[in-house]
Amino acid sequence: MTMNAFEKQPYQGTPMWVPPSAPAAADSRAAGMHVVPASDQNSAGAVLTDLSPVIRSGSRNPPLGGLLKRVMDLVIAVTALVAASPVMIIVAMLIRLTAGSPAVFSHSRVGFGGKSFNCYKFRSMVANAEEVLKEHLEANPEAAVEWEETHKLRDDPRVTFLGHMLRKSSLDELPQLFNIIRGDMSCVGPRPIVKDELKRYGDHVGEYLQTRPGLTGLWQVTGRSSSDYPSRVALDSQYVRNWSPWLDIVILFRTVFAVMRFDRAA
């Protein structure tokens, strides 16, 4: 599989982050996605650059861990990619056979210093995922509350049968090895988030922007599926404040066991 094989999910317009009227840490309100028509993309770009001073100045210093962490990332990611290539090819073929194309999609995430990047994953949802989500939330008030609080659904109607298997085993995240090699992500780091979620980090947004998002992290090895949003923010902040090469190594080893326990890898 090569980078040319990656295909992006079609969408209309450009997602933009709209700051809340008042800052609040771990805000429990819904993180809505506002879509700007293609004709207004220039103005949308202006809004995205007018974020907090923390975001605008976030890239002045090198990412957390510097050269040492980067070298560790490259060695681990390249080794893992070579070892996982046969599995990735099989997964891509299964997705195409059962759900059509694309097998891999990309979605915009916030990286180091507030810079956006395309985060790659194996497609685990139906093609019209946004439409299915909207209809499901309108018909199920409890699901709407769950989505507002955690930005996740335990019973997600968008996810295919194969997608459930990929998520439970974390195989859907294997394409992010390419993100690590490109320098968008790290092997270990905070959970990759969309721009809408930045406001929910409150005072901790600066810590998130100090490092590259991770393929795994404290949020995974401590049971991410059972964590509420404030807990996820706290775990990301704790990782940044206590980072060391040994912490990364411990998290990587614990990730292997977390993935083997499907209830921790969902």
Foldseek 3Di string as FASTA:
>chain_A
DDPVLEDAQDDFADWAADADPDFDAQDLFALDTDGDGPVCVVVRVVRLCPDDPLLQCQVVDPAPPPPNQLVVQQVVLVVVCVVCVVVVVVQQVVCCVPANDDQKHWDWWQWASRDIDTQIWGDFFHSPQVVQVVVVCVVDVVQVSVCSWAVDGPDRPGGDPVSLVCQLLVVRRSVNSVVSNVVQAGQEAAATHHSSCLSNNGPLSSLRNRHGHHSFYPCQLVQVVPDIRSVSSVRRSVCSVDPDPVRVVVRVVSNVVSSVRSRSRD
